[in-house]
Amino acid sequence: KVARVTGEVREFGFDLIDESPGLTVTIGVAGWLEDSNESCFDVWDEVLCEVASDGGESLTLLWEQDVLRDLGNSMSIFLKSQIACQARDALGNAVLGTAFGSLTWPLA
């Protein structure tokens, strides 16, 4: 039954970031990766060393890094297109507002 649920998962594991005495376990899970060179370890290395260094182990979850990179690239493309659309709309509104304002100014 477990093999049926996890059959499509190609990459899954934990990578130790920091180990200090204590019982606390902190796990960082990356939502997406932005660069082809970035890994789940890189995302959480500094953050978990600074925040969770009060004792215990800090781990990062390694899972489907290729899929996370594809998701990060898609999100980057989407955000850039949304920023461009919003900037274009704002500029268009400013130009049209100025044009209509200059047309109605003599009437006021």
N, C-alpha and C. Protein backbone atom coordinates (compact mmCIF):
# COMPACT_ATOMS: atom_id res chain seq x y z
N LYS A 1 0.83 -1.19 0.00
CA LYS A 1 0.00 0.00 0.00
C LYS A 1 0.88 1.26 0.00
N VAL A 2 1.95 1.28 0.73
CA VAL A 2 2.85 2.43 0.77
C VAL A 2 3.50 2.65 -0.58
N ALA A 3 3.86 1.57 -1.26
CA ALA A 3 4.49 1.69 -2.58
C ALA A 3 3.54 2.32 -3.58
N ARG A 4 2.27 2.09 -3.45
CA ARG A 4 1.29 2.69 -4.35
C ARG A 4 1.21 4.20 -4.13
N VAL A 5 1.30 4.64 -2.89
CA VAL A 5 1.20 6.06 -2.57
C VAL A 5 2.49 6.79 -2.94
N THR A 6 3.62 6.18 -2.70
CA THR A 6 4.91 6.85 -2.93
C THR A 6 5.60 6.38 -4.21
N GLY A 7 4.91 5.67 -5.07
CA GLY A 7 5.51 5.08 -6.26
C GLY A 7 6.09 6.10 -7.23
N GLU A 8 5.49 7.28 -7.33
CA GLU A 8 5.95 8.28 -8.29
C GLU A 8 7.02 9.21 -7.72
N VAL A 9 7.32 9.12 -6.46
CA VAL A 9 8.34 9.96 -5.84
C VAL A 9 9.71 9.38 -6.18
N ARG A 10 10.52 10.19 -6.89
CA ARG A 10 11.84 9.72 -7.31
C ARG A 10 12.93 10.14 -6.33
N GLU A 11 12.72 11.23 -5.64
CA GLU A 11 13.76 11.74 -4.75
C GLU A 11 13.12 12.14 -3.42
N PHE A 12 13.61 11.55 -2.35
CA PHE A 12 13.11 11.88 -1.02
C PHE A 12 14.20 11.54 -0.02
N GLY A 13 14.49 12.47 0.86
CA GLY A 13 15.48 12.23 1.89
C GLY A 13 15.68 13.44 2.77
N PHE A 14 16.53 13.32 3.75
CA PHE A 14 16.85 14.41 4.65
C PHE A 14 18.35 14.66 4.59
N ASP A 15 18.74 15.93 4.70
CA ASP A 15 20.14 16.30 4.70
C ASP A 15 20.41 17.09 5.99
N LEU A 16 21.42 16.69 6.73
CA LEU A 16 21.76 17.33 8.00
C LEU A 16 22.43 18.68 7.73
N ILE A 17 21.90 19.73 8.33
CA ILE A 17 22.47 21.07 8.19
C ILE A 17 23.32 21.40 9.40
N ASP A 18 22.76 21.21 10.58
CA ASP A 18 23.47 21.57 11.81
C ASP A 18 23.10 20.56 12.89
N GLU A 19 24.10 20.20 13.67
CA GLU A 19 23.85 19.26 14.76
C GLU A 19 24.49 19.81 16.02
N SER A 20 23.68 19.98 17.03
CA SER A 20 24.18 20.41 18.32
C SER A 20 23.41 19.63 19.39
N PRO A 21 23.94 19.58 20.60
CA PRO A 21 23.29 18.78 21.63
C PRO A 21 21.88 19.30 21.94
N GLY A 22 20.96 18.41 22.08
CA GLY A 22 19.59 18.77 22.40
C GLY A 22 18.63 17.82 21.71
N LEU A 23 17.36 17.91 22.10
CA LEU A 23 16.36 17.01 21.54
C LEU A 23 15.53 17.64 20.43
N THR A 24 15.69 18.92 20.20
CA THR A 24 14.89 19.61 19.19
C THR A 24 15.29 19.19 17.80
N VAL A 25 14.31 18.97 16.94
CA VAL A 25 14.55 18.68 15.53
C VAL A 25 13.79 19.72 14.71
N THR A 26 14.52 20.42 13.85
CA THR A 26 13.92 21.42 12.98
C THR A 26 14.11 20.96 11.54
N ILE A 27 13.02 20.94 10.76
CA ILE A 27 13.07 20.50 9.38
C ILE A 27 12.62 21.64 8.48
N GLY A 28 13.46 21.99 7.52
CA GLY A 28 13.13 23.01 6.54
C GLY A 28 12.67 22.35 5.25
N VAL A 29 11.54 22.83 4.72
CA VAL A 29 10.98 22.28 3.48
C VAL A 29 10.96 23.39 2.44
N ALA A 30 11.65 23.20 1.33
CA ALA A 30 11.68 24.19 0.27
C ALA A 30 10.39 24.09 -0.55
N GLY A 31 9.80 25.25 -0.83
CA GLY A 31 8.59 25.28 -1.65
C GLY A 31 8.90 25.30 -3.13
N TRP A 32 9.96 26.01 -3.52
CA TRP A 32 10.41 26.02 -4.91
C TRP A 32 11.86 26.45 -4.93
N LEU A 33 12.54 26.16 -6.02
CA LEU A 33 13.93 26.52 -6.21
C LEU A 33 14.01 27.43 -7.43
N GLU A 34 14.85 28.47 -7.35
CA GLU A 34 14.87 29.46 -8.42
C GLU A 34 15.96 29.21 -9.46
N ASP A 35 17.11 28.73 -9.07
CA ASP A 35 18.22 28.55 -9.99
C ASP A 35 18.47 27.07 -10.23
N SER A 36 19.14 26.79 -11.36
CA SER A 36 19.47 25.39 -11.66
C SER A 36 20.55 24.87 -10.72
N ASN A 37 21.33 25.78 -10.13
CA ASN A 37 22.39 25.37 -9.20
C ASN A 37 21.92 25.31 -7.76
N GLU A 38 20.74 25.85 -7.47
CA GLU A 38 20.24 25.91 -6.11
C GLU A 38 19.70 24.54 -5.68
N SER A 39 19.94 24.21 -4.42
CA SER A 39 19.42 22.96 -3.88
C SER A 39 18.63 23.26 -2.61
N CYS A 40 17.92 22.27 -2.13
CA CYS A 40 17.14 22.43 -0.90
C CYS A 40 18.06 22.78 0.27
N PHE A 41 19.26 22.24 0.25
CA PHE A 41 20.23 22.53 1.31
C PHE A 41 20.61 24.02 1.29
N ASP A 42 20.85 24.57 0.09
CA ASP A 42 21.25 25.98 -0.03
C ASP A 42 20.17 26.92 0.50
N VAL A 43 18.92 26.57 0.29
CA VAL A 43 17.82 27.43 0.72
C VAL A 43 17.79 27.57 2.24
N TRP A 44 18.03 26.47 2.94
CA TRP A 44 17.86 26.46 4.39
C TRP A 44 19.16 26.52 5.18
N ASP A 45 20.30 26.49 4.55
CA ASP A 45 21.57 26.41 5.26
C ASP A 45 21.75 27.55 6.25
N GLU A 46 21.74 28.78 5.79
CA GLU A 46 21.98 29.93 6.68
C GLU A 46 20.83 30.15 7.65
N VAL A 47 19.61 30.00 7.16
CA VAL A 47 18.43 30.29 7.99
C VAL A 47 18.36 29.35 9.18
N LEU A 48 18.49 28.06 8.93
CA LEU A 48 18.37 27.12 10.04
C LEU A 48 19.58 27.14 10.95
N CYS A 49 20.74 27.49 10.45
CA CYS A 49 21.91 27.60 11.32
C CYS A 49 21.77 28.77 12.28
N GLU A 50 21.16 29.87 11.82
CA GLU A 50 20.99 31.04 12.68
C GLU A 50 19.81 30.87 13.65
N VAL A 51 18.69 30.41 13.15
CA VAL A 51 17.46 30.36 13.94
C VAL A 51 17.44 29.17 14.88
N ALA A 52 17.79 28.01 14.36
CA ALA A 52 17.61 26.78 15.13
C ALA A 52 18.90 26.28 15.76
N SER A 53 19.85 27.15 15.99
CA SER A 53 21.13 26.70 16.54
C SER A 53 21.11 26.64 18.07
N ASP A 54 19.93 26.73 18.66
CA ASP A 54 19.83 26.71 20.12
C ASP A 54 19.90 25.30 20.68
N GLY A 55 20.04 24.34 19.85
CA GLY A 55 20.16 22.96 20.31
C GLY A 55 19.33 22.03 19.45
N GLY A 56 19.85 20.87 19.21
CA GLY A 56 19.14 19.89 18.41
C GLY A 56 19.65 19.84 16.99
N GLU A 57 18.95 19.11 16.18
CA GLU A 57 19.35 18.92 14.80
C GLU A 57 18.52 19.79 13.87
N SER A 58 19.17 20.30 12.83
CA SER A 58 18.50 21.03 11.77
C SER A 58 18.66 20.23 10.49
N LEU A 59 17.56 19.91 9.87
CA LEU A 59 17.56 19.10 8.66
C LEU A 59 16.80 19.82 7.56
N THR A 60 17.13 19.50 6.33
CA THR A 60 16.34 19.96 5.20
C THR A 60 15.78 18.76 4.47
N LEU A 61 14.56 18.89 4.01
CA LEU A 61 13.91 17.82 3.27
C LEU A 61 14.31 17.93 1.81
N LEU A 62 14.91 16.87 1.29
CA LEU A 62 15.28 16.81 -0.12
C LEU A 62 14.20 16.04 -0.85
N TRP A 63 13.47 16.70 -1.72
CA TRP A 63 12.42 16.01 -2.45
C TRP A 63 12.19 16.67 -3.80
N GLU A 64 12.22 15.86 -4.84
CA GLU A 64 11.88 16.25 -6.21
C GLU A 64 12.44 17.62 -6.59
N GLN A 65 13.77 17.78 -6.51
CA GLN A 65 14.37 19.07 -6.78
C GLN A 65 14.17 19.53 -8.22
N ASP A 66 14.09 18.61 -9.17
CA ASP A 66 13.83 19.00 -10.56
C ASP A 66 12.44 19.62 -10.70
N VAL A 67 11.47 19.04 -10.02
CA VAL A 67 10.11 19.57 -10.06
C VAL A 67 10.05 20.93 -9.37
N LEU A 68 10.78 21.08 -8.26
CA LEU A 68 10.81 22.37 -7.56
C LEU A 68 11.47 23.45 -8.41
N ARG A 69 12.49 23.08 -9.19
CA ARG A 69 13.12 24.04 -10.10
C ARG A 69 12.15 24.45 -11.21
N ASP A 70 11.43 23.49 -11.77
CA ASP A 70 10.44 23.80 -12.80
C ASP A 70 9.36 24.73 -12.24
N LEU A 71 8.93 24.47 -11.01
CA LEU A 71 7.93 25.32 -10.37
C LEU A 71 8.49 26.73 -10.15
N GLY A 72 9.73 26.83 -9.70
CA GLY A 72 10.35 28.14 -9.50
C GLY A 72 10.48 28.92 -10.79
N ASN A 73 10.87 28.25 -11.87
CA ASN A 73 10.97 28.92 -13.17
C ASN A 73 9.60 29.39 -13.65
N SER A 74 8.59 28.56 -13.48
CA SER A 74 7.23 28.94 -13.88
C SER A 74 6.73 30.12 -13.07
N MET A 75 6.99 30.11 -11.77
CA MET A 75 6.56 31.23 -10.93
C MET A 75 7.28 32.51 -11.30
N SER A 76 8.57 32.40 -11.62
CA SER A 76 9.33 33.58 -12.03
C SER A 76 8.78 34.17 -13.32
N ILE A 77 8.49 33.33 -14.29
CA ILE A 77 7.92 33.80 -15.55
C ILE A 77 6.55 34.44 -15.32
N PHE A 78 5.73 33.80 -14.50
CA PHE A 78 4.40 34.34 -14.20
C PHE A 78 4.49 35.69 -13.52
N LEU A 79 5.36 35.81 -12.51
CA LEU A 79 5.48 37.07 -11.78
C LEU A 79 6.01 38.20 -12.67
N LYS A 80 6.97 37.88 -13.53
CA LYS A 80 7.49 38.90 -14.45
C LYS A 80 6.41 39.37 -15.41
N SER A 81 5.60 38.44 -15.92
CA SER A 81 4.54 38.85 -16.84
C SER A 81 3.47 39.67 -16.11
N GLN A 82 3.16 39.31 -14.86
CA GLN A 82 2.19 40.08 -14.10
C GLN A 82 2.69 41.49 -13.80
N ILE A 83 3.97 41.61 -13.47
CA ILE A 83 4.55 42.92 -13.22
C ILE A 83 4.51 43.77 -14.48
N ALA A 84 4.84 43.17 -15.62
CA ALA A 84 4.80 43.91 -16.89
C ALA A 84 3.38 44.36 -17.21
N CYS A 85 2.39 43.49 -17.01
CA CYS A 85 0.99 43.85 -17.28
C CYS A 85 0.52 44.97 -16.36
N GLN A 86 0.85 44.87 -15.09
CA GLN A 86 0.44 45.90 -14.14
C GLN A 86 1.11 47.24 -14.45
N ALA A 87 2.38 47.20 -14.82
CA ALA A 87 3.08 48.44 -15.18
C ALA A 87 2.47 49.06 -16.44
N ARG A 88 2.16 48.21 -17.42
CA ARG A 88 1.53 48.70 -18.65
C ARG A 88 0.17 49.32 -18.35
N ASP A 89 -0.62 48.67 -17.52
CA ASP A 89 -1.93 49.20 -17.17
C ASP A 89 -1.82 50.51 -16.40
N ALA A 90 -0.89 50.59 -15.47
CA ALA A 90 -0.71 51.82 -14.70
C ALA A 90 -0.26 52.96 -15.60
N LEU A 91 0.64 52.67 -16.51
CA LEU A 91 1.10 53.70 -17.44
C LEU A 91 -0.03 54.13 -18.36
N GLY A 92 -0.81 53.16 -18.84
CA GLY A 92 -1.95 53.49 -19.69
C GLY A 92 -2.97 54.33 -18.97
N ASN A 93 -3.26 54.01 -17.71
CA ASN A 93 -4.20 54.80 -16.93
C ASN A 93 -3.69 56.21 -16.69
N ALA A 94 -2.39 56.33 -16.45
CA ALA A 94 -1.81 57.67 -16.24
C ALA A 94 -1.90 58.50 -17.51
N VAL A 95 -1.59 57.89 -18.64
CA VAL A 95 -1.64 58.62 -19.91
C VAL A 95 -3.07 59.00 -20.26
N LEU A 96 -4.00 58.05 -20.15
CA LEU A 96 -5.39 58.35 -20.46
C LEU A 96 -5.98 59.36 -19.49
N GLY A 97 -5.63 59.23 -18.21
CA GLY A 97 -6.12 60.19 -17.23
C GLY A 97 -5.63 61.59 -17.52
N THR A 98 -4.39 61.71 -17.91
CA THR A 98 -3.83 63.02 -18.26
C THR A 98 -4.49 63.56 -19.52
N ALA A 99 -4.70 62.69 -20.51
CA ALA A 99 -5.33 63.13 -21.76
C ALA A 99 -6.76 63.60 -21.52
N PHE A 100 -7.55 62.83 -20.77
CA PHE A 100 -8.92 63.26 -20.49
C PHE A 100 -8.95 64.50 -19.60
N GLY A 101 -8.00 64.58 -18.68
CA GLY A 101 -7.93 65.77 -17.84
C GLY A 101 -7.62 67.01 -18.65
N SER A 102 -6.73 66.89 -19.61
CA SER A 102 -6.38 68.06 -20.44
C SER A 102 -7.53 68.42 -21.38
N LEU A 103 -8.35 67.44 -21.77
CA LEU A 103 -9.49 67.74 -22.62
C LEU A 103 -10.62 68.43 -21.84
N THR A 104 -10.80 68.05 -20.59
CA THR A 104 -11.88 68.64 -19.80
C THR A 104 -11.45 69.90 -19.06
N TRP A 105 -10.19 70.22 -19.04
CA TRP A 105 -9.72 71.40 -18.31
C TRP A 105 -10.29 72.71 -18.87
N PRO A 106 -10.33 72.87 -20.21
CA PRO A 106 -10.92 74.13 -20.71
C PRO A 106 -12.39 74.27 -20.38
N LEU A 107 -13.08 73.17 -20.16
CA LEU A 107 -14.51 73.25 -19.87
C LEU A 107 -14.77 73.66 -18.42
N ALA A 108 -13.81 73.50 -17.55
CA ALA A 108 -14.04 73.79 -16.14
C ALA A 108 -13.99 75.24 -15.78
